[in-house]
Amino acid sequence: MKTIHRFLLAAGFVVLSGIVSLLAAPSLPAELVTNWDAAGNPNGTMQKTLALWLTPALMTGILGLFAVIPRIDPLRENIAEFRPYYDWFVVVFTVYMFVVHAGVVAFNLGYEFDFTYLILVAAAGMFYYIGVVLTHAKQNWFVGIRTPWTLSSEEVWARTHALGGRLFKLTAILTVVGLLFGDYALYFLLVPALLTAGGTIVYSYYLYERLDRNSETTSGSNL
């Protein structure tokens, strides 16, 4: 499957989200529930037109941005090396957004389900695939764990992304496990995700400094 086909697939979910909004609009109230607390209880609403079309509009804009990134990145040739994984992430992300949007619409049409669980399952799938992308991502300015240290060293980039890929996959697994813990389920996503984000940043700095010191030691011993 070529890039254009993968992007057309992603665009199909954008269109589908718009169709869902269009078909559901006549049967929905003037205000839609759009926010839930950690226990899955509704705690916020939005005006119907905005609620129905905000997500399709965001999906359209983000899809356009995803299409542009491989063309404007100064290291675009590196993105080309893992382009299939990048493209499939675009598809996975649009599917995630579609699931969230369809879930909001379904809930407001009167279907009974735990919205928080829906989000957690969808997020787990997306986080797992982020882990896949990270293990294949080459050094670039837009995709991956972009710190001053990963962008300054290809070795730091590779080793940080190898770790980050494993941690994002672990976060996805813990998120699914968290579904067994009721009101605490959300924390099985938030806590590992925050630790992963912070841990990979710290690790990239530590690794860069260690490699830099080793390089200086080696250079000094050769003098």
N, C-alpha and C. Protein backbone atom coordinates (compact mmCIF):
# COMPACT_ATOMS: atom_id res chain seq x y z
N MET A 1 0.85 -1.20 0.00
CA MET A 1 0.00 0.00 0.00
C MET A 1 0.88 1.25 0.00
N LYS A 2 0.62 2.17 -0.90
CA LYS A 2 1.41 3.38 -1.03
C LYS A 2 0.94 4.46 -0.05
N THR A 3 1.79 5.48 0.10
CA THR A 3 1.46 6.59 1.01
C THR A 3 0.11 7.21 0.67
N ILE A 4 -0.15 7.44 -0.61
CA ILE A 4 -1.41 8.08 -0.99
C ILE A 4 -2.60 7.25 -0.57
N HIS A 5 -2.47 5.93 -0.65
CA HIS A 5 -3.57 5.06 -0.25
C HIS A 5 -3.79 5.08 1.26
N ARG A 6 -2.69 5.13 2.01
CA ARG A 6 -2.82 5.20 3.47
C ARG A 6 -3.46 6.52 3.89
N PHE A 7 -3.08 7.61 3.24
CA PHE A 7 -3.68 8.90 3.58
C PHE A 7 -5.14 8.96 3.14
N LEU A 8 -5.48 8.31 2.05
CA LEU A 8 -6.89 8.26 1.63
C LEU A 8 -7.71 7.47 2.65
N LEU A 9 -7.10 6.42 3.21
CA LEU A 9 -7.78 5.65 4.25
C LEU A 9 -8.04 6.53 5.47
N ALA A 10 -7.02 7.30 5.88
CA ALA A 10 -7.18 8.22 7.01
C ALA A 10 -8.25 9.27 6.69
N ALA A 11 -8.22 9.79 5.46
CA ALA A 11 -9.22 10.79 5.06
C ALA A 11 -10.62 10.20 5.10
N GLY A 12 -10.72 8.89 4.82
CA GLY A 12 -12.03 8.24 4.88
C GLY A 12 -12.65 8.30 6.26
N PHE A 13 -11.82 8.17 7.31
CA PHE A 13 -12.34 8.28 8.67
C PHE A 13 -12.73 9.71 9.02
N VAL A 14 -12.04 10.68 8.42
CA VAL A 14 -12.43 12.08 8.61
C VAL A 14 -13.81 12.30 8.00
N VAL A 15 -14.00 11.81 6.79
CA VAL A 15 -15.30 11.95 6.11
C VAL A 15 -16.37 11.21 6.89
N LEU A 16 -16.03 10.03 7.38
CA LEU A 16 -17.00 9.23 8.13
C LEU A 16 -17.44 9.95 9.39
N SER A 17 -16.52 10.65 10.06
CA SER A 17 -16.89 11.41 11.25
C SER A 17 -17.89 12.51 10.90
N GLY A 18 -17.70 13.13 9.74
CA GLY A 18 -18.65 14.15 9.30
C GLY A 18 -20.01 13.56 8.98
N ILE A 19 -20.01 12.38 8.39
CA ILE A 19 -21.29 11.71 8.07
C ILE A 19 -22.04 11.36 9.34
N VAL A 20 -21.30 10.87 10.35
CA VAL A 20 -21.92 10.56 11.65
C VAL A 20 -22.58 11.80 12.23
N SER A 21 -21.88 12.95 12.17
CA SER A 21 -22.45 14.20 12.69
C SER A 21 -23.70 14.59 11.92
N LEU A 22 -23.63 14.49 10.62
CA LEU A 22 -24.74 14.90 9.76
C LEU A 22 -25.98 14.05 10.01
N LEU A 23 -25.79 12.74 10.11
CA LEU A 23 -26.93 11.84 10.29
C LEU A 23 -27.52 11.93 11.68
N ALA A 24 -26.67 12.17 12.68
CA ALA A 24 -27.15 12.17 14.06
C ALA A 24 -27.76 13.50 14.49
N ALA A 25 -27.40 14.59 13.82
CA ALA A 25 -27.79 15.94 14.24
C ALA A 25 -29.28 16.09 14.54
N PRO A 26 -30.18 15.62 13.68
CA PRO A 26 -31.62 15.83 13.95
C PRO A 26 -32.12 15.16 15.23
N SER A 27 -31.44 14.11 15.69
CA SER A 27 -31.91 13.35 16.85
C SER A 27 -31.24 13.76 18.15
N LEU A 28 -30.35 14.75 18.10
CA LEU A 28 -29.59 15.14 19.28
C LEU A 28 -30.15 16.38 19.94
N PRO A 29 -29.96 16.51 21.27
CA PRO A 29 -30.41 17.71 21.98
C PRO A 29 -29.54 18.92 21.64
N ALA A 30 -29.95 20.09 22.10
CA ALA A 30 -29.22 21.33 21.80
C ALA A 30 -27.86 21.38 22.47
N GLU A 31 -27.73 20.70 23.61
CA GLU A 31 -26.45 20.63 24.33
C GLU A 31 -26.03 19.17 24.42
N LEU A 32 -24.76 18.90 24.09
CA LEU A 32 -24.26 17.53 24.14
C LEU A 32 -23.26 17.37 25.28
N VAL A 33 -23.33 16.23 25.94
CA VAL A 33 -22.31 15.90 26.94
C VAL A 33 -21.01 15.62 26.19
N THR A 34 -19.96 16.30 26.59
CA THR A 34 -18.66 16.14 25.91
C THR A 34 -17.50 15.92 26.87
N ASN A 35 -17.78 15.92 28.16
CA ASN A 35 -16.72 15.71 29.15
C ASN A 35 -17.19 14.73 30.22
N TRP A 36 -16.24 13.92 30.69
CA TRP A 36 -16.52 12.94 31.73
C TRP A 36 -15.40 12.98 32.75
N ASP A 37 -15.71 12.65 34.02
CA ASP A 37 -14.66 12.60 35.03
C ASP A 37 -14.02 11.22 35.02
N ALA A 38 -13.06 11.01 35.91
CA ALA A 38 -12.31 9.75 35.93
C ALA A 38 -13.20 8.55 36.20
N ALA A 39 -14.33 8.78 36.88
CA ALA A 39 -15.25 7.69 37.20
C ALA A 39 -16.24 7.43 36.08
N GLY A 40 -16.15 8.22 35.00
CA GLY A 40 -17.05 8.03 33.87
C GLY A 40 -18.35 8.78 33.98
N ASN A 41 -18.42 9.75 34.91
CA ASN A 41 -19.64 10.53 35.08
C ASN A 41 -19.58 11.80 34.24
N PRO A 42 -20.64 12.12 33.48
CA PRO A 42 -20.65 13.34 32.66
C PRO A 42 -20.47 14.57 33.54
N ASN A 43 -19.60 15.49 33.12
CA ASN A 43 -19.40 16.71 33.91
C ASN A 43 -19.19 17.96 33.05
N GLY A 44 -19.60 17.90 31.77
CA GLY A 44 -19.46 19.08 30.93
C GLY A 44 -20.22 18.92 29.63
N THR A 45 -20.73 20.03 29.10
CA THR A 45 -21.50 19.98 27.86
C THR A 45 -20.97 21.02 26.86
N MET A 46 -21.43 20.89 25.62
CA MET A 46 -21.06 21.81 24.57
C MET A 46 -22.25 21.99 23.63
N GLN A 47 -22.37 23.16 23.05
CA GLN A 47 -23.44 23.43 22.10
C GLN A 47 -23.37 22.44 20.94
N LYS A 48 -24.53 21.96 20.47
CA LYS A 48 -24.58 20.84 19.53
C LYS A 48 -23.76 21.05 18.26
N THR A 49 -23.93 22.16 17.60
CA THR A 49 -23.22 22.37 16.33
C THR A 49 -21.71 22.33 16.52
N LEU A 50 -21.25 22.98 17.58
CA LEU A 50 -19.81 22.98 17.86
C LEU A 50 -19.32 21.58 18.19
N ALA A 51 -20.09 20.87 19.02
CA ALA A 51 -19.70 19.52 19.42
C ALA A 51 -19.64 18.56 18.23
N LEU A 52 -20.58 18.74 17.29
CA LEU A 52 -20.64 17.82 16.15
C LEU A 52 -19.56 18.07 15.11
N TRP A 53 -19.12 19.33 15.00
CA TRP A 53 -18.21 19.64 13.89
C TRP A 53 -16.80 20.02 14.32
N LEU A 54 -16.57 20.18 15.61
CA LEU A 54 -15.22 20.52 16.08
C LEU A 54 -14.24 19.39 15.78
N THR A 55 -14.60 18.17 16.13
CA THR A 55 -13.68 17.05 15.92
C THR A 55 -13.41 16.79 14.44
N PRO A 56 -14.43 16.74 13.57
CA PRO A 56 -14.13 16.58 12.13
C PRO A 56 -13.24 17.70 11.60
N ALA A 57 -13.44 18.93 12.09
CA ALA A 57 -12.60 20.05 11.64
C ALA A 57 -11.16 19.87 12.11
N LEU A 58 -10.99 19.45 13.37
CA LEU A 58 -9.65 19.21 13.90
C LEU A 58 -8.97 18.07 13.14
N MET A 59 -9.71 17.02 12.87
CA MET A 59 -9.16 15.90 12.13
C MET A 59 -8.67 16.33 10.75
N THR A 60 -9.45 17.19 10.11
CA THR A 60 -9.07 17.68 8.78
C THR A 60 -7.78 18.48 8.84
N GLY A 61 -7.69 19.39 9.82
CA GLY A 61 -6.49 20.20 9.96
C GLY A 61 -5.26 19.38 10.31
N ILE A 62 -5.42 18.44 11.22
CA ILE A 62 -4.29 17.62 11.65
C ILE A 62 -3.83 16.70 10.51
N LEU A 63 -4.79 16.17 9.75
CA LEU A 63 -4.43 15.33 8.61
C LEU A 63 -3.62 16.13 7.59
N GLY A 64 -4.02 17.38 7.36
CA GLY A 64 -3.26 18.23 6.46
C GLY A 64 -1.85 18.48 6.97
N LEU A 65 -1.72 18.68 8.29
CA LEU A 65 -0.40 18.88 8.89
C LEU A 65 0.46 17.63 8.73
N PHE A 66 -0.13 16.46 8.98
CA PHE A 66 0.61 15.21 8.81
C PHE A 66 1.10 15.04 7.38
N ALA A 67 0.32 15.50 6.42
CA ALA A 67 0.71 15.38 5.02
C ALA A 67 1.87 16.30 4.68
N VAL A 68 1.95 17.44 5.36
CA VAL A 68 2.97 18.44 5.05
C VAL A 68 4.31 18.12 5.72
N ILE A 69 4.27 17.56 6.91
CA ILE A 69 5.49 17.34 7.71
C ILE A 69 6.61 16.65 6.94
N PRO A 70 6.33 15.53 6.24
CA PRO A 70 7.44 14.87 5.54
C PRO A 70 8.05 15.71 4.42
N ARG A 71 7.37 16.77 4.01
CA ARG A 71 7.88 17.61 2.93
C ARG A 71 8.70 18.78 3.46
N ILE A 72 8.43 19.22 4.69
CA ILE A 72 9.09 20.42 5.20
C ILE A 72 10.18 20.13 6.22
N ASP A 73 10.24 18.90 6.72
CA ASP A 73 11.28 18.57 7.70
C ASP A 73 12.66 18.67 7.04
N PRO A 74 13.61 19.38 7.67
CA PRO A 74 14.96 19.46 7.11
C PRO A 74 15.62 18.09 6.95
N LEU A 75 15.17 17.12 7.75
CA LEU A 75 15.69 15.76 7.66
C LEU A 75 14.66 14.83 7.01
N ARG A 76 14.00 15.35 5.99
CA ARG A 76 12.91 14.61 5.35
C ARG A 76 13.36 13.24 4.81
N GLU A 77 14.63 13.13 4.44
CA GLU A 77 15.11 11.85 3.93
C GLU A 77 15.10 10.78 5.02
N ASN A 78 15.22 11.20 6.28
CA ASN A 78 15.13 10.24 7.39
C ASN A 78 13.70 9.77 7.60
N ILE A 79 12.75 10.69 7.47
CA ILE A 79 11.34 10.30 7.58
C ILE A 79 10.99 9.29 6.49
N ALA A 80 11.57 9.49 5.30
CA ALA A 80 11.30 8.57 4.19
C ALA A 80 11.69 7.14 4.55
N GLU A 81 12.69 6.97 5.43
CA GLU A 81 13.16 5.64 5.79
C GLU A 81 12.14 4.87 6.63
N PHE A 82 11.28 5.59 7.38
CA PHE A 82 10.25 4.89 8.16
C PHE A 82 8.85 5.38 7.76
N ARG A 83 8.72 5.81 6.51
CA ARG A 83 7.47 6.41 6.05
C ARG A 83 6.24 5.50 6.22
N PRO A 84 6.32 4.20 5.92
CA PRO A 84 5.12 3.37 6.13
C PRO A 84 4.62 3.40 7.57
N TYR A 85 5.55 3.37 8.53
CA TYR A 85 5.15 3.42 9.94
C TYR A 85 4.53 4.77 10.27
N TYR A 86 5.09 5.84 9.72
CA TYR A 86 4.55 7.19 9.91
C TYR A 86 3.13 7.26 9.34
N ASP A 87 2.96 6.76 8.13
CA ASP A 87 1.64 6.82 7.50
C ASP A 87 0.60 6.04 8.29
N TRP A 88 0.98 4.86 8.76
CA TRP A 88 0.03 4.07 9.53
C TRP A 88 -0.31 4.72 10.87
N PHE A 89 0.63 5.49 11.43
CA PHE A 89 0.29 6.24 12.63
C PHE A 89 -0.79 7.27 12.32
N VAL A 90 -0.70 7.91 11.16
CA VAL A 90 -1.72 8.87 10.76
C VAL A 90 -3.09 8.18 10.71
N VAL A 91 -3.12 6.97 10.17
CA VAL A 91 -4.37 6.22 10.11
C VAL A 91 -4.86 5.88 11.52
N VAL A 92 -3.94 5.38 12.36
CA VAL A 92 -4.31 5.02 13.74
C VAL A 92 -4.84 6.24 14.50
N PHE A 93 -4.20 7.39 14.31
CA PHE A 93 -4.64 8.60 15.00
C PHE A 93 -6.03 9.02 14.55
N THR A 94 -6.29 8.98 13.24
CA THR A 94 -7.63 9.37 12.77
C THR A 94 -8.69 8.38 13.24
N VAL A 95 -8.33 7.11 13.33
CA VAL A 95 -9.27 6.11 13.87
C VAL A 95 -9.58 6.44 15.33
N TYR A 96 -8.55 6.78 16.08
CA TYR A 96 -8.75 7.16 17.48
C TYR A 96 -9.70 8.35 17.60
N MET A 97 -9.45 9.38 16.81
CA MET A 97 -10.31 10.56 16.84
C MET A 97 -11.74 10.22 16.43
N PHE A 98 -11.88 9.35 15.44
CA PHE A 98 -13.21 8.94 15.00
C PHE A 98 -13.94 8.19 16.11
N VAL A 99 -13.24 7.29 16.79
CA VAL A 99 -13.85 6.53 17.88
C VAL A 99 -14.34 7.46 18.99
N VAL A 100 -13.52 8.45 19.34
CA VAL A 100 -13.92 9.43 20.36
C VAL A 100 -15.16 10.18 19.90
N HIS A 101 -15.15 10.65 18.67
CA HIS A 101 -16.28 11.43 18.14
C HIS A 101 -17.55 10.58 18.08
N ALA A 102 -17.42 9.37 17.53
CA ALA A 102 -18.59 8.49 17.45
C ALA A 102 -19.10 8.12 18.82
N GLY A 103 -18.18 7.97 19.79
CA GLY A 103 -18.60 7.67 21.15
C GLY A 103 -19.40 8.79 21.77
N VAL A 104 -18.97 10.03 21.56
CA VAL A 104 -19.71 11.19 22.06
C VAL A 104 -21.11 11.22 21.46
N VAL A 105 -21.19 11.02 20.17
CA VAL A 105 -22.49 11.05 19.49
C VAL A 105 -23.38 9.92 20.01
N ALA A 106 -22.83 8.71 20.11
CA ALA A 106 -23.62 7.57 20.58
C ALA A 106 -24.14 7.78 21.99
N PHE A 107 -23.29 8.31 22.86
CA PHE A 107 -23.70 8.56 24.24
C PHE A 107 -24.87 9.53 24.29
N ASN A 108 -24.80 10.57 23.48
CA ASN A 108 -25.85 11.58 23.49
C ASN A 108 -27.11 11.14 22.75
N LEU A 109 -27.00 10.06 21.99
CA LEU A 109 -28.19 9.47 21.38
C LEU A 109 -28.91 8.53 22.33
N GLY A 110 -28.30 8.31 23.51
CA GLY A 110 -28.96 7.51 24.53
C GLY A 110 -28.38 6.13 24.75
N TYR A 111 -27.32 5.78 24.01
CA TYR A 111 -26.70 4.48 24.22
C TYR A 111 -25.92 4.50 25.54
N GLU A 112 -26.08 3.45 26.34
CA GLU A 112 -25.46 3.42 27.66
C GLU A 112 -24.16 2.60 27.63
N PHE A 113 -23.08 3.23 27.97
CA PHE A 113 -21.78 2.57 28.09
C PHE A 113 -20.86 3.49 28.88
N ASP A 114 -19.76 2.93 29.36
CA ASP A 114 -18.79 3.70 30.12
C ASP A 114 -17.85 4.40 29.14
N PHE A 115 -18.03 5.70 28.98
CA PHE A 115 -17.25 6.45 28.00
C PHE A 115 -15.76 6.43 28.32
N THR A 116 -15.43 6.48 29.61
CA THR A 116 -14.01 6.45 30.01
C THR A 116 -13.34 5.17 29.54
N TYR A 117 -14.04 4.04 29.64
CA TYR A 117 -13.48 2.77 29.19
C TYR A 117 -13.25 2.78 27.68
N LEU A 118 -14.19 3.37 26.95
CA LEU A 118 -14.04 3.47 25.50
C LEU A 118 -12.76 4.24 25.15
N ILE A 119 -12.55 5.36 25.81
CA ILE A 119 -11.38 6.19 25.56
C ILE A 119 -10.10 5.44 25.91
N LEU A 120 -10.13 4.73 27.03
CA LEU A 120 -8.93 4.02 27.47
C LEU A 120 -8.55 2.90 26.50
N VAL A 121 -9.53 2.17 26.00
CA VAL A 121 -9.23 1.11 25.04
C VAL A 121 -8.66 1.70 23.76
N ALA A 122 -9.28 2.79 23.28
CA ALA A 122 -8.79 3.43 22.06
C ALA A 122 -7.40 4.01 22.27
N ALA A 123 -7.17 4.63 23.43
CA ALA A 123 -5.87 5.22 23.73
C ALA A 123 -4.80 4.14 23.85
N ALA A 124 -5.16 2.99 24.42
CA ALA A 124 -4.20 1.90 24.55
C ALA A 124 -3.71 1.45 23.17
N GLY A 125 -4.64 1.34 22.22
CA GLY A 125 -4.26 0.96 20.87
C GLY A 125 -3.32 1.98 20.24
N MET A 126 -3.63 3.27 20.44
CA MET A 126 -2.80 4.31 19.85
C MET A 126 -1.43 4.35 20.52
N PHE A 127 -1.38 4.22 21.84
CA PHE A 127 -0.09 4.25 22.54
C PHE A 127 0.78 3.07 22.13
N TYR A 128 0.17 1.92 21.92
CA TYR A 128 0.96 0.77 21.50
C TYR A 128 1.59 1.03 20.14
N TYR A 129 0.81 1.62 19.24
CA TYR A 129 1.38 1.86 17.91
C TYR A 129 2.41 2.99 17.95
N ILE A 130 2.25 3.94 18.85
CA ILE A 130 3.29 4.95 19.03
C ILE A 130 4.60 4.26 19.39
N GLY A 131 4.51 3.24 20.25
CA GLY A 131 5.71 2.47 20.60
C GLY A 131 6.34 1.83 19.38
N VAL A 132 5.51 1.32 18.48
CA VAL A 132 6.01 0.72 17.25
C VAL A 132 6.73 1.76 16.39
N VAL A 133 6.11 2.92 16.24
CA VAL A 133 6.71 3.99 15.42
C VAL A 133 8.05 4.42 16.00
N LEU A 134 8.10 4.59 17.32
CA LEU A 134 9.33 5.06 17.95
C LEU A 134 10.50 4.12 17.71
N THR A 135 10.24 2.84 17.69
CA THR A 135 11.34 1.89 17.49
C THR A 135 11.89 1.93 16.07
N HIS A 136 11.15 2.54 15.15
CA HIS A 136 11.59 2.63 13.76
C HIS A 136 11.95 4.05 13.34
N ALA A 137 11.63 5.05 14.16
CA ALA A 137 11.83 6.44 13.77
C ALA A 137 13.31 6.80 13.66
N LYS A 138 13.66 7.46 12.58
CA LYS A 138 15.00 7.99 12.41
C LYS A 138 15.00 9.47 12.82
N GLN A 139 16.17 10.00 13.04
CA GLN A 139 16.32 11.37 13.53
C GLN A 139 15.63 12.38 12.61
N ASN A 140 14.73 13.17 13.19
CA ASN A 140 14.03 14.21 12.44
C ASN A 140 13.50 15.25 13.43
N TRP A 141 12.90 16.32 12.91
CA TRP A 141 12.50 17.44 13.76
C TRP A 141 11.04 17.41 14.22
N PHE A 142 10.25 16.45 13.72
CA PHE A 142 8.82 16.50 14.02
C PHE A 142 8.28 15.24 14.70
N VAL A 143 8.86 14.10 14.43
CA VAL A 143 8.28 12.83 14.87
C VAL A 143 9.23 12.14 15.84
N GLY A 144 8.74 11.85 17.05
CA GLY A 144 9.55 11.11 18.00
C GLY A 144 9.83 11.90 19.26
N ILE A 145 10.82 11.43 20.01
CA ILE A 145 11.22 12.05 21.28
C ILE A 145 12.30 13.08 20.95
N ARG A 146 11.87 14.31 20.74
CA ARG A 146 12.77 15.34 20.24
C ARG A 146 13.24 16.21 21.39
N THR A 147 14.42 15.89 21.90
CA THR A 147 15.05 16.70 22.93
C THR A 147 16.35 17.26 22.34
N PRO A 148 16.95 18.26 22.99
CA PRO A 148 18.24 18.77 22.47
C PRO A 148 19.29 17.68 22.32
N TRP A 149 19.18 16.63 23.16
CA TRP A 149 20.20 15.59 23.19
C TRP A 149 19.95 14.53 22.12
N THR A 150 18.70 14.17 21.88
CA THR A 150 18.42 13.21 20.80
C THR A 150 18.68 13.84 19.43
N LEU A 151 18.44 15.14 19.32
CA LEU A 151 18.65 15.82 18.04
C LEU A 151 20.13 16.12 17.79
N SER A 152 20.95 15.99 18.83
CA SER A 152 22.38 16.28 18.70
C SER A 152 23.21 15.02 18.47
N SER A 153 22.62 13.86 18.68
CA SER A 153 23.38 12.62 18.57
C SER A 153 22.49 11.51 18.02
N GLU A 154 22.91 10.89 16.93
CA GLU A 154 22.14 9.79 16.37
C GLU A 154 22.10 8.60 17.31
N GLU A 155 23.18 8.37 18.05
CA GLU A 155 23.20 7.25 18.99
C GLU A 155 22.22 7.50 20.15
N VAL A 156 22.21 8.72 20.66
CA VAL A 156 21.26 9.05 21.73
C VAL A 156 19.84 8.92 21.21
N TRP A 157 19.60 9.38 19.99
CA TRP A 157 18.27 9.25 19.39
C TRP A 157 17.86 7.78 19.33
N ALA A 158 18.73 6.94 18.79
CA ALA A 158 18.39 5.54 18.60
C ALA A 158 18.12 4.83 19.93
N ARG A 159 18.97 5.05 20.90
CA ARG A 159 18.83 4.35 22.17
C ARG A 159 17.65 4.88 22.98
N THR A 160 17.40 6.19 22.91
CA THR A 160 16.25 6.77 23.61
C THR A 160 14.95 6.27 23.00
N HIS A 161 14.91 6.17 21.68
CA HIS A 161 13.69 5.70 21.03
C HIS A 161 13.46 4.21 21.22
N ALA A 162 14.54 3.46 21.34
CA ALA A 162 14.38 2.03 21.65
C ALA A 162 13.72 1.87 23.03
N LEU A 163 14.19 2.66 23.99
CA LEU A 163 13.59 2.63 25.33
C LEU A 163 12.17 3.17 25.29
N GLY A 164 11.98 4.31 24.63
CA GLY A 164 10.65 4.92 24.56
C GLY A 164 9.64 4.00 23.91
N GLY A 165 10.06 3.28 22.87
CA GLY A 165 9.15 2.35 22.21
C GLY A 165 8.66 1.28 23.17
N ARG A 166 9.57 0.73 23.96
CA ARG A 166 9.18 -0.30 24.93
C ARG A 166 8.26 0.27 26.01
N LEU A 167 8.57 1.48 26.46
CA LEU A 167 7.76 2.08 27.53
C LEU A 167 6.36 2.45 27.06
N PHE A 168 6.23 2.92 25.82
CA PHE A 168 4.90 3.24 25.31
C PHE A 168 4.07 1.98 25.14
N LYS A 169 4.70 0.89 24.70
CA LYS A 169 3.96 -0.37 24.60
C LYS A 169 3.54 -0.86 25.98
N LEU A 170 4.43 -0.70 26.96
CA LEU A 170 4.10 -1.09 28.33
C LEU A 170 2.95 -0.24 28.86
N THR A 171 2.96 1.05 28.55
CA THR A 171 1.87 1.94 28.96
C THR A 171 0.55 1.45 28.39
N ALA A 172 0.56 1.03 27.13
CA ALA A 172 -0.67 0.51 26.51
C ALA A 172 -1.17 -0.72 27.23
N ILE A 173 -0.25 -1.63 27.57
CA ILE A 173 -0.64 -2.85 28.27
C ILE A 173 -1.20 -2.54 29.66
N LEU A 174 -0.53 -1.63 30.38
CA LEU A 174 -1.02 -1.25 31.71
C LEU A 174 -2.38 -0.57 31.63
N THR A 175 -2.62 0.18 30.55
CA THR A 175 -3.92 0.83 30.37
C THR A 175 -5.02 -0.20 30.27
N VAL A 176 -4.77 -1.27 29.52
CA VAL A 176 -5.77 -2.34 29.40
C VAL A 176 -5.96 -3.04 30.73
N VAL A 177 -4.87 -3.30 31.44
CA VAL A 177 -4.97 -3.92 32.76
C VAL A 177 -5.78 -3.04 33.70
N GLY A 178 -5.61 -1.72 33.57
CA GLY A 178 -6.31 -0.78 34.44
C GLY A 178 -7.81 -0.85 34.32
N LEU A 179 -8.32 -1.40 33.22
CA LEU A 179 -9.76 -1.52 33.05
C LEU A 179 -10.39 -2.40 34.14
N LEU A 180 -9.56 -3.21 34.78
CA LEU A 180 -10.06 -4.09 35.85
C LEU A 180 -10.20 -3.36 37.18
N PHE A 181 -9.76 -2.10 37.24
CA PHE A 181 -9.69 -1.40 38.52
C PHE A 181 -10.68 -0.24 38.64
N GLY A 182 -11.76 -0.32 37.89
CA GLY A 182 -12.87 0.61 38.06
C GLY A 182 -12.50 2.08 37.98
N ASP A 183 -12.80 2.82 39.04
CA ASP A 183 -12.58 4.26 39.07
C ASP A 183 -11.11 4.65 38.95
N TYR A 184 -10.21 3.71 39.21
CA TYR A 184 -8.77 4.00 39.14
C TYR A 184 -8.18 3.72 37.75
N ALA A 185 -9.01 3.26 36.83
CA ALA A 185 -8.52 2.83 35.51
C ALA A 185 -7.75 3.93 34.79
N LEU A 186 -8.25 5.16 34.88
CA LEU A 186 -7.62 6.26 34.16
C LEU A 186 -6.17 6.48 34.59
N TYR A 187 -5.89 6.21 35.85
CA TYR A 187 -4.54 6.43 36.36
C TYR A 187 -3.54 5.42 35.80
N PHE A 188 -4.04 4.29 35.32
CA PHE A 188 -3.16 3.30 34.70
C PHE A 188 -2.70 3.76 33.33
N LEU A 189 -3.32 4.81 32.80
CA LEU A 189 -2.84 5.46 31.59
C LEU A 189 -2.02 6.70 31.91
N LEU A 190 -2.57 7.55 32.77
CA LEU A 190 -1.93 8.84 33.03
C LEU A 190 -0.56 8.70 33.69
N VAL A 191 -0.48 7.88 34.73
CA VAL A 191 0.78 7.77 35.47
C VAL A 191 1.89 7.17 34.61
N PRO A 192 1.67 6.03 33.95
CA PRO A 192 2.73 5.50 33.08
C PRO A 192 3.09 6.43 31.93
N ALA A 193 2.09 7.13 31.38
CA ALA A 193 2.37 8.05 30.26
C ALA A 193 3.26 9.20 30.71
N LEU A 194 2.96 9.76 31.88
CA LEU A 194 3.78 10.86 32.40
C LEU A 194 5.18 10.38 32.76
N LEU A 195 5.27 9.20 33.37
CA LEU A 195 6.59 8.65 33.71
C LEU A 195 7.41 8.34 32.46
N THR A 196 6.73 7.86 31.43
CA THR A 196 7.41 7.58 30.16
C THR A 196 7.94 8.85 29.53
N ALA A 197 7.09 9.88 29.49
CA ALA A 197 7.51 11.16 28.90
C ALA A 197 8.69 11.75 29.66
N GLY A 198 8.57 11.81 30.98
CA GLY A 198 9.65 12.38 31.79
C GLY A 198 10.89 11.51 31.78
N GLY A 199 10.70 10.19 31.84
CA GLY A 199 11.83 9.28 31.90
C GLY A 199 12.66 9.30 30.63
N THR A 200 12.02 9.38 29.48
CA THR A 200 12.78 9.39 28.23
C THR A 200 13.56 10.70 28.06
N ILE A 201 13.01 11.80 28.55
CA ILE A 201 13.73 13.07 28.49
C ILE A 201 14.98 13.01 29.37
N VAL A 202 14.80 12.54 30.60
CA VAL A 202 15.94 12.42 31.52
C VAL A 202 16.97 11.43 30.97
N TYR A 203 16.50 10.33 30.42
CA TYR A 203 17.41 9.32 29.88
C TYR A 203 18.24 9.88 28.73
N SER A 204 17.60 10.66 27.85
CA SER A 204 18.34 11.22 26.71
C SER A 204 19.44 12.16 27.19
N TYR A 205 19.15 12.93 28.23
CA TYR A 205 20.17 13.83 28.78
C TYR A 205 21.30 13.03 29.41
N TYR A 206 20.93 12.04 30.23
CA TYR A 206 21.94 11.21 30.91
C TYR A 206 22.83 10.52 29.90
N LEU A 207 22.21 9.93 28.87
CA LEU A 207 22.98 9.19 27.88
C LEU A 207 23.91 10.11 27.10
N TYR A 208 23.41 11.29 26.74
CA TYR A 208 24.24 12.24 25.99
C TYR A 208 25.46 12.66 26.82
N GLU A 209 25.22 12.98 28.09
CA GLU A 209 26.31 13.40 28.96
C GLU A 209 27.33 12.28 29.16
N ARG A 210 26.84 11.06 29.30
CA ARG A 210 27.75 9.92 29.50
C ARG A 210 28.60 9.67 28.26
N LEU A 211 27.96 9.71 27.10
CA LEU A 211 28.70 9.52 25.85
C LEU A 211 29.69 10.65 25.61
N ASP A 212 29.29 11.86 26.00
CA ASP A 212 30.18 13.02 25.83
C ASP A 212 31.41 12.88 26.72
N ARG A 213 31.18 12.44 27.95
CA ARG A 213 32.31 12.26 28.88
C ARG A 213 33.24 11.15 28.39
N ASN A 214 32.65 10.07 27.89
CA ASN A 214 33.47 8.97 27.38
C ASN A 214 34.30 9.42 26.18
N SER A 215 33.68 10.27 25.35
CA SER A 215 34.37 10.79 24.18
C SER A 215 35.54 11.66 24.58
N GLU A 216 35.33 12.51 25.60
CA GLU A 216 36.39 13.38 26.07
C GLU A 216 37.52 12.56 26.71
N THR A 217 37.15 11.51 27.44
CA THR A 217 38.16 10.65 28.07
C THR A 217 39.00 9.94 27.02
N THR A 218 38.33 9.44 25.99
CA THR A 218 39.03 8.76 24.91
C THR A 218 39.97 9.71 24.17
N SER A 219 39.47 10.92 23.91
CA SER A 219 40.28 11.91 23.21
C SER A 219 41.50 12.29 24.03
N GLY A 220 41.30 12.44 25.37
CA GLY A 220 42.39 12.81 26.26
C GLY A 220 43.45 11.74 26.34
N SER A 221 43.02 10.48 26.31
CA SER A 221 43.97 9.38 26.43
C SER A 221 44.80 9.20 25.17
N ASN A 222 44.29 9.76 24.06
CA ASN A 222 45.01 9.65 22.79
C ASN A 222 46.01 10.77 22.57
N LEU A 223 45.97 11.77 23.46
CA LEU A 223 46.89 12.90 23.31
C LEU A 223 48.30 12.54 23.80
